[in-house]
Amino acid sequence: MAGVAAPENSIAGLAVAVAHHKKTLFSLDERLALAFYNKDFLTEKLAEDVERSVERPGTVAAALAAVRGQDYSEVQKRYRTIKQPTLLLWGRDDVVTTVPFAERLNRDLPKSRLVIYPRCGHFPMFEAKDASNEEVIHFLEDPPTPDTTERK
């Protein structure tokens, strides 16, 4: 799902992230568990909310169509031409989209800032909520330029 903008609603983001894996040998709970370093965040309510989102008619088909409709190799070729400041928030322990991908994005996006959170999986907005919120505020107040891009 890297390269696809996450929906504003975190539950919807979780649903889209797991929807395209729906027809696997793993249960929804097992796939959700992969997204979190700290399993305390994987509550019954969260799992139920995600399940409800995934079960909505058309959700899986829409997520698959969005992913299949992307020409990732063409998009990747244009990373270096993106002029907008970009904030990359990543979990050190993300097994869904690993840190080397974040580091590549950070190298390829001219005005990027990469922040990697320890003991954090695929969803820093949950597992590093306060720190990631502070980083978003800092980014909005002082976006990176090519000369100030942080390489953390």
Protein backbone atom coordinates (compact mmCIF):
# COMPACT_ATOMS: atom_id res chain seq x y z
CA MET A 1 0.00 0.00 0.00
CA ALA A 2 3.02 2.27 0.07
CA GLY A 3 2.56 5.22 -2.19
CA VAL A 4 -1.22 5.26 -1.69
CA ALA A 5 -2.51 8.10 0.46
CA ALA A 6 -4.05 6.87 3.69
CA PRO A 7 -7.64 7.86 4.29
CA GLU A 8 -8.20 10.49 6.98
CA ASN A 9 -9.94 7.98 9.25
CA SER A 10 -7.39 5.64 10.85
CA ILE A 11 -9.89 2.79 10.98
CA ALA A 12 -10.50 3.20 7.26
CA GLY A 13 -6.75 3.21 6.71
CA LEU A 14 -6.45 -0.06 8.58
CA ALA A 15 -9.31 -1.52 6.58
CA VAL A 16 -7.76 -0.59 3.25
CA ALA A 17 -4.36 -1.88 4.37
CA VAL A 18 -5.74 -5.30 5.21
CA ALA A 19 -8.51 -5.54 2.60
CA HIS A 20 -6.23 -6.41 -0.27
CA HIS A 21 -4.91 -9.36 1.78
CA LYS A 22 -8.40 -10.66 2.57
CA LYS A 23 -8.12 -13.90 0.63
CA THR A 24 -5.07 -15.26 2.42
CA LEU A 25 -4.52 -18.16 4.78
CA PHE A 26 -4.33 -15.74 7.70
CA SER A 27 -7.27 -14.39 9.65
CA LEU A 28 -8.01 -10.68 9.77
CA ASP A 29 -6.80 -10.63 13.39
CA GLU A 30 -3.50 -12.22 12.37
CA ARG A 31 -3.00 -9.70 9.57
CA LEU A 32 -3.82 -6.81 11.90
CA ALA A 33 -1.37 -8.19 14.46
CA LEU A 34 1.42 -7.92 11.87
CA ALA A 35 0.82 -4.16 11.70
CA PHE A 36 1.54 -3.52 15.38
CA TYR A 37 4.73 -3.85 17.38
CA ASN A 38 2.84 -3.30 20.64
CA LYS A 39 -0.05 -5.75 20.59
CA ASP A 40 -1.80 -3.74 23.34
CA PHE A 41 -3.05 -1.46 20.55
CA LEU A 42 -4.82 -4.37 18.89
CA THR A 43 -8.00 -4.21 20.93
CA GLU A 44 -11.17 -6.16 20.33
CA LYS A 45 -12.94 -2.90 19.46
CA LEU A 46 -10.30 -2.00 16.86
CA ALA A 47 -10.50 -5.46 15.30
CA GLU A 48 -14.31 -5.22 15.20
CA ASP A 49 -14.17 -1.73 13.63
CA VAL A 50 -11.73 -2.90 10.96
CA GLU A 51 -13.75 -6.05 10.31
CA ARG A 52 -16.89 -3.96 9.90
CA SER A 53 -15.08 -1.65 7.46
CA VAL A 54 -13.68 -4.56 5.43
CA GLU A 55 -17.07 -6.25 5.27
CA ARG A 56 -18.81 -3.24 3.70
CA PRO A 57 -19.95 -4.10 0.19
CA GLY A 58 -17.33 -3.09 -2.36
CA THR A 59 -14.50 -2.36 0.10
CA VAL A 60 -12.21 -5.18 -0.98
CA ALA A 61 -12.93 -4.64 -4.66
CA ALA A 62 -12.25 -0.91 -4.33
CA ALA A 63 -8.98 -1.46 -2.45
CA LEU A 64 -7.81 -4.02 -5.00
CA ALA A 65 -8.78 -1.76 -7.90
CA ALA A 66 -6.85 1.14 -6.35
CA VAL A 67 -3.72 -0.97 -5.88
CA ARG A 68 -3.96 -2.62 -9.29
CA GLY A 69 -4.57 0.74 -10.94
CA GLN A 70 -1.23 2.12 -9.80
CA ASP A 71 1.76 1.88 -12.09
CA TYR A 72 4.29 1.88 -9.27
CA SER A 73 7.35 1.73 -11.51
CA GLU A 74 6.22 4.88 -13.32
CA VAL A 75 5.36 6.66 -10.06
CA GLN A 76 8.74 5.74 -8.57
CA LYS A 77 10.51 7.29 -11.56
CA ARG A 78 8.89 10.62 -10.69
CA TYR A 79 9.79 10.70 -6.98
CA ARG A 80 12.81 12.97 -7.58
CA THR A 81 10.60 15.51 -9.36
CA ILE A 82 8.12 15.97 -6.50
CA LYS A 83 8.47 19.51 -5.24
CA GLN A 84 6.10 19.36 -2.25
CA PRO A 85 7.58 18.87 1.22
CA THR A 86 6.93 15.33 2.39
CA LEU A 87 6.83 13.96 5.92
CA LEU A 88 7.56 10.24 6.27
CA LEU A 89 6.62 8.75 9.65
CA TRP A 90 7.77 5.14 10.00
CA GLY A 91 7.88 2.42 12.61
CA ARG A 92 11.28 0.79 13.10
CA ASP A 93 9.49 -2.56 13.50
CA ASP A 94 7.11 -2.19 10.53
CA VAL A 95 6.92 -5.58 8.81
CA VAL A 96 4.24 -4.41 6.34
CA THR A 97 6.38 -1.73 4.68
CA THR A 98 9.90 -2.03 6.02
CA VAL A 99 12.39 0.72 6.88
CA PRO A 100 14.52 0.26 3.72
CA PHE A 101 11.51 1.43 1.71
CA ALA A 102 11.25 4.53 3.92
CA GLU A 103 14.95 5.21 3.49
CA ARG A 104 14.62 4.92 -0.28
CA LEU A 105 11.69 7.35 -0.30
CA ASN A 106 13.68 9.73 1.86
CA ARG A 107 16.59 9.59 -0.59
CA ASP A 108 14.38 10.00 -3.65
CA LEU A 109 12.02 12.74 -2.44
CA PRO A 110 13.94 16.04 -2.57
CA LYS A 111 12.07 17.78 0.27
CA SER A 112 11.44 14.89 2.62
CA ARG A 113 11.80 14.44 6.33
CA LEU A 114 11.98 10.86 7.63
CA VAL A 115 11.23 10.12 11.26
CA ILE A 116 11.58 6.52 12.44
CA TYR A 117 9.98 5.54 15.74
CA PRO A 118 11.48 2.73 17.83
CA ARG A 119 9.19 -0.03 19.10
CA CYS A 120 6.59 0.91 16.50
CA GLY A 121 4.95 -1.00 13.64
CA HIS A 122 3.01 0.13 10.58
CA PHE A 123 0.83 2.69 12.36
CA PRO A 124 2.85 5.41 14.14
CA MET A 125 -0.39 7.39 14.55
CA PHE A 126 -1.40 4.73 17.09
CA GLU A 127 1.84 3.50 18.62
CA ALA A 128 3.70 6.81 18.68
CA LYS A 129 0.64 9.06 18.80
CA ASP A 130 2.07 11.97 20.79
CA ALA A 131 5.46 11.98 19.08
CA SER A 132 3.98 11.66 15.59
CA ASN A 133 1.45 14.43 16.28
CA GLU A 134 4.28 16.68 17.45
CA GLU A 135 6.23 15.84 14.31
CA VAL A 136 3.26 16.71 12.08
CA ILE A 137 2.88 20.07 13.85
CA HIS A 138 6.62 20.75 13.47
CA PHE A 139 6.46 19.76 9.79
CA LEU A 140 3.52 22.08 9.12
CA GLU A 141 5.30 24.96 10.87
CA ASP A 142 8.69 24.31 9.27
CA PRO A 143 8.56 22.04 6.20
CA PRO A 144 11.86 20.69 4.88
CA THR A 145 13.71 22.21 1.96
CA PRO A 146 16.42 20.42 -0.06
CA ASP A 147 19.03 22.09 2.16
CA THR A 148 17.36 21.14 5.46
CA THR A 149 16.06 17.65 4.70
CA GLU A 150 16.63 15.44 7.69
CA ARG A 151 18.13 12.01 7.19
CA LYS A 152 17.38 10.24 10.45
